[in-house]
Amino acid sequence: MFHFGCSKNLVDTEICIGIFKKENFEIVNIPEEAEIIVINTCGFIQSAKEEAINTILEMSEFKKTGKCKYLIVIGCLVQRYKKELEKSIPEVDLFLAIDEYDNLWEKISKLVNKQKKSKNTLEYMNRIISTGNTTAYLKIAEGCSNKCTYCAIPYIRGPFVSRKMEEILEEAQMLAQKGIKELIVIAQDTTKYGIDIYGKPCLAELLDKLCKIDGFKWIRFLYAYPESITDELLDVVRKNDKICNYFDIPLQHFSDNILRKMNRKSDSKSIKNIIEKIRKKIPNVILRTTMIVGFPDETEDDFLKLYEFVKNTKFDKLGVFKYSKEDGTPASRIKNQVHYKTKQSRLNKIMLLEQKISKIKLEEKIGNIYEAIVDGFSDDNKFILARSYMDIPNEDGTIFIKNNGKVKQGEFINCKIIDVKNYDLIAELV
């Protein structure tokens, strides 16, 4: 099974694999050997769409040259463009949109077995963890109701819907029993968790209860929107040693003009205030954010405000995206679209600035000792590949440590930082 897109989509993939395993299918990792190939797509931005379509076309060849009998495509891209995909890629035997997931196995089994079988919805408790034996994601909500003008997620995934807390805790208990040590709590907007079903934000309460489950060593939460970061949440992070002092806050911009046009709920003043509060309340906190450059109507003055904000705030981690014009979004209808060369230039300027900031911040860590989790080893087996609380999987940097042959994957170790290379750290075991 192939997976594209965010960690929320990854959880759907893991659940889908779990369904196949429950129905006594053997899971293989080599497409040449698969009789059924399933591709879970992303439809968020243009590059993700192109990657998914290229993979679909590539996998369709195995119906000619491999053992593949059925090619199934699911996920966000299908939710957005199912009719178009059915017409343009007839090699696919079944397209399943997200709003069909309640009947997912019914439709797959009807295709594969030529008969209608029992209904089997997406089951969190039977998911097959694909992120190793130590780290797992915990999805606490679906969809998004923020309706940022550039974003297609509400049109793909629907409005924000929280899962019941008891169901989340039951799944977390299952993950702990499987030996998961690092739990990463995710949703499109984790800080809105609970508002729709409990009438108030409940992320702080949920995290507090997760910390009481035996087995977890690290607990993280990602995608914390700034306007919903409460004092209660900061207090829970500060008092619980299991919760990593790491805030991933998708800000997207700093110019009030652009923030309004993006339909963001924060302004420049509130953004500065929440960052100051986080840094004051939580020692050694790592701040990560993402920014969008080239949003329609973004002037040079708007960009300079963003640039100066990044320069002065000095984020530990920062990613930048060029605005992508997405079908059906309000921003796509704004006439003054920014030229792609201007977008690229602005992205390059921000990233060059962040590289300098990151280098200084990483060099400040030389001589410090950190606890880290072993993710794996380099291809030549000379180095241990590890992460401290300061880094999330597949997004942030890596700690490279000379391999002594005694360390195992998934183990927690102590290491001393001795050097810096790009966005990564060099360390030695202590």
Protein backbone atom coordinates (compact mmCIF):
# COMPACT_ATOMS: atom_id res chain seq x y z
CA MET A 1 0.00 0.00 0.00
CA PHE A 2 1.31 3.44 -0.96
CA HIS A 3 0.79 6.52 1.18
CA PHE A 4 1.07 10.19 0.30
CA GLY A 5 0.51 13.35 2.32
CA CYS A 6 0.31 14.24 5.97
CA SER A 7 0.46 12.19 9.14
CA LYS A 8 -3.35 12.32 9.38
CA ASN A 9 -3.51 10.51 6.04
CA LEU A 10 -0.87 8.06 7.28
CA VAL A 11 -3.18 6.97 10.10
CA ASP A 12 -5.89 6.22 7.51
CA THR A 13 -3.35 4.10 5.62
CA GLU A 14 -2.46 2.17 8.78
CA ILE A 15 -6.14 1.54 9.49
CA CYS A 16 -6.67 0.33 5.92
CA ILE A 17 -3.72 -2.07 6.18
CA GLY A 18 -5.23 -3.34 9.42
CA ILE A 19 -8.50 -4.12 7.63
CA PHE A 20 -6.72 -6.15 4.94
CA LYS A 21 -4.80 -8.06 7.60
CA LYS A 22 -7.99 -8.72 9.56
CA GLU A 23 -9.50 -10.17 6.37
CA ASN A 24 -6.53 -12.58 6.12
CA PHE A 25 -4.63 -10.84 3.32
CA GLU A 26 -0.84 -11.04 3.38
CA ILE A 27 0.78 -7.59 3.37
CA VAL A 28 3.75 -7.23 0.97
CA ASN A 29 6.05 -4.25 0.44
CA ILE A 30 7.11 -5.01 -3.14
CA PRO A 31 4.58 -3.92 -5.79
CA GLU A 32 5.76 -6.61 -8.23
CA GLU A 33 4.50 -9.25 -5.78
CA ALA A 34 1.16 -7.62 -4.92
CA GLU A 35 -2.15 -8.87 -6.28
CA ILE A 36 -3.90 -5.77 -4.94
CA ILE A 37 -2.19 -2.38 -4.95
CA VAL A 38 -3.78 0.39 -2.87
CA ILE A 39 -2.69 4.02 -3.17
CA ASN A 40 -3.78 6.55 -0.53
CA THR A 41 -3.48 9.96 -2.17
CA CYS A 42 -3.01 13.56 -1.11
CA GLY A 43 -4.88 16.35 -2.89
CA PHE A 44 -3.66 19.34 -0.89
CA ILE A 45 -1.33 21.14 -3.30
CA GLN A 46 -0.38 20.78 -6.96
CA SER A 47 2.93 18.98 -6.37
CA ALA A 48 1.20 16.37 -4.18
CA LYS A 49 -1.45 15.79 -6.84
CA GLU A 50 1.18 15.29 -9.53
CA GLU A 51 3.16 12.87 -7.37
CA ALA A 52 0.05 10.81 -6.65
CA ILE A 53 -1.04 10.67 -10.30
CA ASN A 54 2.46 9.68 -11.45
CA THR A 55 2.46 6.86 -8.90
CA ILE A 56 -0.98 5.67 -10.01
CA LEU A 57 0.21 5.49 -13.62
CA GLU A 58 3.43 3.76 -12.56
CA MET A 59 1.57 1.18 -10.47
CA SER A 60 -0.92 0.52 -13.27
CA GLU A 61 1.96 -0.99 -15.26
CA PHE A 62 2.15 -3.85 -12.76
CA LYS A 63 -1.23 -5.03 -14.03
CA LYS A 64 0.70 -5.88 -17.21
CA THR A 65 4.12 -6.88 -15.88
CA GLY A 66 3.47 -8.02 -12.30
CA LYS A 67 0.94 -10.04 -10.34
CA CYS A 68 -1.43 -7.12 -9.79
CA LYS A 69 -5.07 -7.92 -10.47
CA TYR A 70 -6.66 -4.88 -8.87
CA LEU A 71 -5.51 -1.27 -8.51
CA ILE A 72 -7.41 0.73 -5.87
CA VAL A 73 -6.99 4.47 -5.24
CA ILE A 74 -8.37 6.20 -2.15
CA GLY A 75 -7.89 9.44 -0.22
CA CYS A 76 -7.98 13.19 -0.64
CA LEU A 77 -7.27 13.38 -4.37
CA VAL A 78 -10.20 11.05 -5.03
CA GLN A 79 -12.44 13.09 -2.76
CA ARG A 80 -11.74 16.17 -4.86
CA TYR A 81 -11.58 14.74 -8.38
CA LYS A 82 -13.24 11.31 -8.42
CA LYS A 83 -15.26 11.79 -11.63
CA GLU A 84 -12.32 13.27 -13.50
CA LEU A 85 -9.99 10.48 -12.33
CA GLU A 86 -12.45 7.75 -13.32
CA LYS A 87 -12.58 9.18 -16.84
CA SER A 88 -8.86 9.85 -17.27
CA ILE A 89 -7.32 6.77 -15.61
CA PRO A 90 -9.44 3.73 -16.55
CA GLU A 91 -6.62 1.39 -15.45
CA VAL A 92 -7.78 1.93 -11.86
CA ASP A 93 -10.35 -0.67 -10.80
CA LEU A 94 -11.81 1.26 -7.86
CA PHE A 95 -11.70 4.88 -6.70
CA LEU A 96 -12.84 5.45 -3.10
CA ALA A 97 -13.43 8.96 -1.74
CA ILE A 98 -13.08 9.81 1.95
CA ASP A 99 -16.83 10.10 2.44
CA GLU A 100 -17.11 6.46 1.30
CA TYR A 101 -14.82 5.13 4.04
CA ASP A 102 -17.77 3.82 6.08
CA ASN A 103 -18.35 1.38 3.21
CA LEU A 104 -14.68 0.92 2.34
CA TRP A 105 -14.38 -2.81 2.86
CA GLU A 106 -17.82 -3.50 1.44
CA LYS A 107 -16.77 -1.87 -1.84
CA ILE A 108 -13.29 -3.46 -1.89
CA SER A 109 -14.59 -6.95 -1.13
CA LYS A 110 -17.27 -6.62 -3.79
CA LEU A 111 -14.52 -5.84 -6.32
CA VAL A 112 -12.05 -8.47 -5.17
CA ASN A 113 -14.42 -11.31 -4.30
CA LYS A 114 -17.18 -10.39 -6.77
CA GLN A 115 -19.67 -10.52 -3.94
CA LYS A 116 -20.92 -8.33 -1.14
CA LYS A 117 -19.26 -9.06 2.18
CA SER A 118 -19.71 -7.79 5.71
CA LYS A 119 -19.27 -4.08 6.35
CA ASN A 120 -15.87 -3.17 7.82
CA THR A 121 -15.36 0.54 8.56
CA LEU A 122 -12.08 2.24 9.40
CA GLU A 123 -11.13 0.80 12.78
CA TYR A 124 -8.51 2.64 14.81
CA MET A 125 -7.97 -0.26 17.21
CA ASN A 126 -6.88 -2.66 14.44
CA ARG A 127 -4.54 -0.32 12.58
CA ILE A 128 -1.08 -1.59 11.67
CA ILE A 129 1.59 0.85 12.85
CA SER A 130 3.94 1.72 9.97
CA THR A 131 6.25 4.09 11.86
CA GLY A 132 8.31 1.46 13.69
CA ASN A 133 7.97 -0.16 17.08
CA THR A 134 8.53 2.98 19.12
CA THR A 135 6.70 5.95 17.54
CA ALA A 136 3.03 6.24 16.56
CA TYR A 137 0.55 8.96 15.62
CA LEU A 138 -2.75 9.41 17.47
CA LYS A 139 -5.40 11.19 15.39
CA ILE A 140 -7.91 12.97 17.65
CA ALA A 141 -10.13 14.69 15.08
CA GLU A 142 -11.06 14.78 11.41
CA GLY A 143 -11.55 17.72 9.06
CA CYS A 144 -11.23 21.45 9.66
CA SER A 145 -13.67 24.33 10.15
CA ASN A 146 -11.20 27.23 10.02
CA LYS A 147 -11.85 27.89 6.31
CA CYS A 148 -8.59 29.62 5.51
CA THR A 149 -9.09 31.06 2.03
CA TYR A 150 -6.11 29.23 0.48
CA CYS A 151 -6.88 25.77 1.91
CA ALA A 152 -8.90 22.95 0.35
CA ILE A 153 -8.94 20.73 3.46
CA PRO A 154 -12.49 21.70 4.57
CA TYR A 155 -13.74 20.81 1.08
CA ILE A 156 -11.88 17.49 1.13
CA ARG A 157 -12.16 16.32 4.73
CA GLY A 158 -15.24 18.24 5.79
CA PRO A 159 -15.77 20.23 9.00
CA PHE A 160 -13.81 19.66 12.20
CA VAL A 161 -15.12 16.59 14.06
CA SER A 162 -13.52 15.52 17.34
CA ARG A 163 -13.32 11.90 18.37
CA LYS A 164 -14.74 10.99 21.77
CA MET A 165 -12.12 11.20 24.49
CA GLU A 166 -12.78 7.69 25.79
CA GLU A 167 -12.19 6.25 22.30
CA ILE A 168 -8.91 8.15 21.96
CA LEU A 169 -7.72 7.00 25.38
CA GLU A 170 -8.63 3.40 24.55
CA GLU A 171 -6.56 3.58 21.37
CA ALA A 172 -3.67 5.21 23.25
CA GLN A 173 -3.78 2.40 25.82
CA MET A 174 -3.57 -0.11 22.98
CA LEU A 175 -0.54 1.68 21.53
CA ALA A 176 1.19 1.74 24.91
CA GLN A 177 0.60 -1.99 25.31
CA LYS A 178 2.21 -2.53 21.89
CA GLY A 179 5.37 -0.87 23.20
CA ILE A 180 4.99 2.60 21.69
CA LYS A 181 7.18 5.06 23.60
CA GLU A 182 6.69 8.24 21.55
CA LEU A 183 3.07 9.30 20.97
CA ILE A 184 2.40 12.11 18.49
CA VAL A 185 -1.07 13.66 18.83
CA ILE A 186 -2.40 15.05 15.55
CA ALA A 187 -5.41 16.68 13.91
CA GLN A 188 -5.75 19.45 11.36
CA ASP A 189 -5.98 21.80 14.35
CA THR A 190 -5.25 19.99 17.61
CA THR A 191 -6.00 23.03 19.80
CA LYS A 192 -9.66 23.00 18.67
CA TYR A 193 -10.11 19.48 19.99
CA GLY A 194 -13.35 19.02 21.89
CA ILE A 195 -15.04 22.32 21.04
CA ASP A 196 -17.59 20.65 18.74
CA ILE A 197 -18.64 17.85 21.12
CA TYR A 198 -17.82 19.19 24.59
CA GLY A 199 -18.39 22.91 24.05
CA LYS A 200 -14.85 23.86 25.05
CA PRO A 201 -11.25 23.13 24.01
CA CYS A 202 -10.17 19.89 25.69
CA LEU A 203 -6.65 19.28 24.39
CA ALA A 204 -5.13 20.14 27.77
CA GLU A 205 -7.43 17.66 29.54
CA LEU A 206 -6.71 14.97 26.95
CA LEU A 207 -2.94 15.42 27.22
CA ASP A 208 -3.16 15.26 31.00
CA LYS A 209 -4.96 11.92 30.77
CA LEU A 210 -2.56 10.57 28.15
CA CYS A 211 0.33 11.31 30.51
CA LYS A 212 -1.24 8.97 33.07
CA ILE A 213 -1.00 5.98 30.72
CA ASP A 214 1.97 3.79 31.62
CA GLY A 215 4.46 3.15 28.85
CA PHE A 216 4.73 6.48 27.03
CA LYS A 217 8.00 8.32 27.51
CA TRP A 218 7.42 11.21 25.10
CA ILE A 219 4.10 12.78 24.10
CA ARG A 220 3.95 15.46 21.42
CA PHE A 221 1.09 17.38 19.81
CA LEU A 222 1.34 19.07 16.43
CA TYR A 223 -0.55 21.77 14.50
CA ALA A 224 -1.46 24.05 17.40
CA TYR A 225 -3.20 27.11 16.00
CA PRO A 226 -2.06 30.25 17.85
CA GLU A 227 -5.49 31.67 18.72
CA SER A 228 -6.43 28.46 20.58
CA ILE A 229 -3.31 28.03 22.71
CA THR A 230 -4.66 28.56 26.23
CA ASP A 231 -3.00 29.13 29.58
CA GLU A 232 -4.41 25.77 30.66
CA LEU A 233 -2.60 24.06 27.77
CA LEU A 234 0.69 25.79 28.60
CA ASP A 235 0.35 24.75 32.25
CA VAL A 236 -0.26 21.11 31.29
CA VAL A 237 2.82 21.09 29.06
CA ARG A 238 4.93 22.71 31.76
CA LYS A 239 3.92 20.35 34.57
CA ASN A 240 4.08 17.04 32.66
CA ASP A 241 7.58 15.75 31.99
CA LYS A 242 6.27 13.33 29.38
CA ILE A 243 5.09 16.16 27.11
CA CYS A 244 7.92 17.43 24.91
CA ASN A 245 8.58 21.16 25.14
CA TYR A 246 7.86 21.51 21.45
CA PHE A 247 5.21 23.72 19.83
CA ASP A 248 4.36 23.37 16.15
CA ILE A 249 2.35 26.52 15.37
CA PRO A 250 1.29 27.04 11.72
CA LEU A 251 1.29 30.85 11.48
CA GLN A 252 1.41 31.21 7.67
CA HIS A 253 2.12 34.98 7.68
CA PHE A 254 2.65 38.05 9.83
CA SER A 255 1.26 40.93 7.78
CA ASP A 256 -2.21 41.83 9.08
CA ASN A 257 -3.26 42.59 5.51
CA ILE A 258 -2.44 39.07 4.33
CA LEU A 259 -3.68 37.37 7.51
CA ARG A 260 -7.10 38.98 6.94
CA LYS A 261 -7.19 37.85 3.32
CA MET A 262 -6.20 34.36 4.42
CA ASN A 263 -9.11 34.43 6.90
CA ARG A 264 -6.71 33.60 9.71
CA LYS A 265 -8.06 34.16 13.21
CA SER A 266 -4.85 35.75 14.57
CA ASP A 267 -3.23 39.10 13.87
CA SER A 268 0.37 40.24 14.24
CA LYS A 269 -0.12 41.50 17.80
CA SER A 270 -1.73 38.30 19.09
CA ILE A 271 0.93 36.21 17.34
CA LYS A 272 3.74 38.12 19.05
CA ASN A 273 1.96 37.87 22.40
CA ILE A 274 1.46 34.09 22.28
CA ILE A 275 5.06 33.45 21.26
CA GLU A 276 6.32 35.61 24.12
CA LYS A 277 4.00 33.81 26.55
CA ILE A 278 5.11 30.34 25.41
CA ARG A 279 8.79 31.19 25.72
CA LYS A 280 8.24 32.75 29.14
CA LYS A 281 6.20 29.86 30.56
CA ILE A 282 8.07 26.89 29.09
CA PRO A 283 11.85 26.69 29.46
CA ASN A 284 13.91 25.33 26.56
CA VAL A 285 10.84 25.29 24.33
CA ILE A 286 11.33 24.54 20.64
CA LEU A 287 9.14 26.62 18.30
CA ARG A 288 8.34 25.40 14.83
CA THR A 289 6.17 27.15 12.25
CA THR A 290 5.27 27.28 8.58
CA MET A 291 4.87 30.31 6.35
CA ILE A 292 3.30 30.92 2.95
CA VAL A 293 4.86 33.39 0.52
CA GLY A 294 3.30 34.72 -2.65
CA PHE A 295 -0.29 34.76 -1.43
CA PRO A 296 -2.48 36.79 -3.86
CA ASP A 297 -2.11 40.54 -3.29
CA GLU A 298 1.04 40.04 -1.19
CA THR A 299 3.00 43.27 -1.68
CA GLU A 300 6.68 43.84 -1.10
CA ASP A 301 5.74 45.61 2.13
CA ASP A 302 3.72 42.58 3.27
CA PHE A 303 6.67 40.34 2.56
CA LEU A 304 9.12 42.61 4.40
CA LYS A 305 6.90 42.47 7.49
CA LEU A 306 7.05 38.69 7.33
CA TYR A 307 10.81 38.73 6.76
CA GLU A 308 11.47 41.05 9.72
CA PHE A 309 9.21 38.96 11.93
CA VAL A 310 11.15 35.78 11.10
CA LYS A 311 14.43 37.64 11.61
CA ASN A 312 13.43 38.97 15.03
CA THR A 313 11.54 35.95 16.35
CA LYS A 314 14.25 33.39 15.51
CA PHE A 315 12.20 30.23 15.22
CA ASP A 316 14.01 26.98 15.96
CA LYS A 317 12.35 25.30 12.99
CA LEU A 318 10.65 26.97 10.03
CA GLY A 319 9.25 25.73 6.75
CA VAL A 320 8.18 27.93 3.83
CA PHE A 321 5.71 27.13 1.06
CA LYS A 322 4.94 29.00 -2.11
CA TYR A 323 1.23 29.77 -2.36
CA SER A 324 -0.52 27.14 -4.46
CA LYS A 325 -3.70 28.11 -6.30
CA GLU A 326 -6.21 25.41 -5.34
CA ASP A 327 -9.47 24.79 -7.19
CA GLY A 328 -12.58 25.98 -5.41
CA THR A 329 -10.85 28.04 -2.72
CA PRO A 330 -11.68 31.75 -2.27
CA ALA A 331 -8.04 32.75 -2.74
CA SER A 332 -7.96 31.15 -6.18
CA ARG A 333 -10.48 33.76 -7.34
CA ILE A 334 -8.36 36.76 -6.31
CA LYS A 335 -7.24 38.45 -9.52
CA ASN A 336 -3.84 39.70 -8.37
CA GLN A 337 -1.94 36.39 -8.29
CA VAL A 338 1.78 36.77 -7.53
CA HIS A 339 4.21 35.76 -10.28
CA TYR A 340 5.90 32.40 -9.71
CA LYS A 341 9.40 33.96 -9.94
CA THR A 342 8.48 36.44 -7.21
CA LYS A 343 7.20 33.56 -5.05
CA GLN A 344 10.43 31.64 -5.53
CA SER A 345 12.55 34.69 -4.77
CA ARG A 346 10.67 35.38 -1.54
CA LEU A 347 10.89 31.74 -0.50
CA ASN A 348 14.65 31.75 -1.11
CA LYS A 349 15.11 34.89 1.00
CA ILE A 350 13.19 33.48 3.97
CA MET A 351 14.96 30.11 3.81
CA LEU A 352 18.39 31.73 3.56
CA LEU A 353 17.56 33.78 6.64
CA GLU A 354 16.27 30.72 8.52
CA GLN A 355 19.41 28.74 7.64
CA LYS A 356 21.51 31.38 9.37
CA ILE A 357 19.19 31.47 12.40
CA SER A 358 19.11 27.68 12.62
CA LYS A 359 22.91 27.41 12.45
CA ILE A 360 23.33 29.84 15.34
CA LYS A 361 20.67 28.09 17.43
CA LEU A 362 22.16 24.65 16.80
CA GLU A 363 25.69 25.82 17.58
CA GLU A 364 24.42 27.03 20.96
CA LYS A 365 23.66 23.39 21.78
CA ILE A 366 27.26 22.22 21.40
CA GLY A 367 28.41 20.78 24.71
CA ASN A 368 24.88 20.02 25.92
CA ILE A 369 23.73 16.50 26.78
CA TYR A 370 20.34 15.34 25.51
CA GLU A 371 18.24 12.22 25.78
CA ALA A 372 17.45 10.91 22.31
CA ILE A 373 15.52 8.12 20.64
CA VAL A 374 17.29 5.89 18.11
CA ASP A 375 15.37 5.95 14.81
CA GLY A 376 17.81 3.74 12.93
CA PHE A 377 21.27 3.63 11.42
CA SER A 378 23.04 5.07 8.39
CA ASP A 379 23.22 2.92 5.25
CA ASP A 380 26.85 2.06 5.98
CA ASN A 381 25.96 1.37 9.63
CA LYS A 382 28.65 3.78 10.83
CA PHE A 383 26.25 6.20 12.47
CA ILE A 384 23.30 6.01 14.83
CA LEU A 385 20.41 8.19 13.62
CA ALA A 386 18.62 9.72 16.60
CA ARG A 387 16.29 12.53 17.66
CA SER A 388 15.92 14.52 20.86
CA TYR A 389 12.72 16.21 22.08
CA MET A 390 13.69 19.04 19.72
CA ASP A 391 12.90 17.11 16.53
CA ILE A 392 9.84 15.39 15.06
CA PRO A 393 10.14 12.46 12.61
CA ASN A 394 10.58 13.18 8.90
CA GLU A 395 10.37 16.95 9.36
CA ASP A 396 13.25 18.16 11.53
CA GLY A 397 16.92 17.35 11.84
CA THR A 398 18.79 14.23 12.88
CA ILE A 399 21.48 13.60 15.49
CA PHE A 400 24.37 11.61 13.99
CA ILE A 401 26.31 9.54 16.53
CA LYS A 402 29.22 7.18 15.85
CA ASN A 403 27.86 3.64 16.11
CA ASN A 404 29.47 1.51 18.82
CA GLY A 405 27.47 -1.55 17.82
CA LYS A 406 25.71 -1.76 21.18
CA VAL A 407 22.70 0.48 20.55
CA LYS A 408 19.34 -0.84 19.29
CA GLN A 409 16.65 0.88 17.24
CA GLY A 410 13.93 2.33 19.48
CA GLU A 411 16.27 2.65 22.44
CA PHE A 412 16.62 5.89 24.39
CA ILE A 413 20.20 7.06 24.81
CA ASN A 414 22.13 10.04 26.18
CA CYS A 415 24.40 11.94 23.84
CA LYS A 416 26.62 15.03 23.93
CA ILE A 417 26.47 17.48 21.01
CA ILE A 418 29.94 18.08 19.54
CA ASP A 419 29.26 19.68 16.13
CA VAL A 420 26.67 20.98 13.66
CA LYS A 421 26.12 20.13 10.00
CA ASN A 422 23.39 21.99 8.11
CA TYR A 423 20.14 21.32 10.05
CA ASP A 424 21.60 18.28 11.81
CA LEU A 425 23.64 17.72 14.95
CA ILE A 426 26.75 15.57 15.51
CA ALA A 427 27.06 13.91 18.89
CA GLU A 428 28.84 11.25 20.91
CA LEU A 429 27.40 8.71 23.31
CA VAL A 430 27.77 9.49 27.03
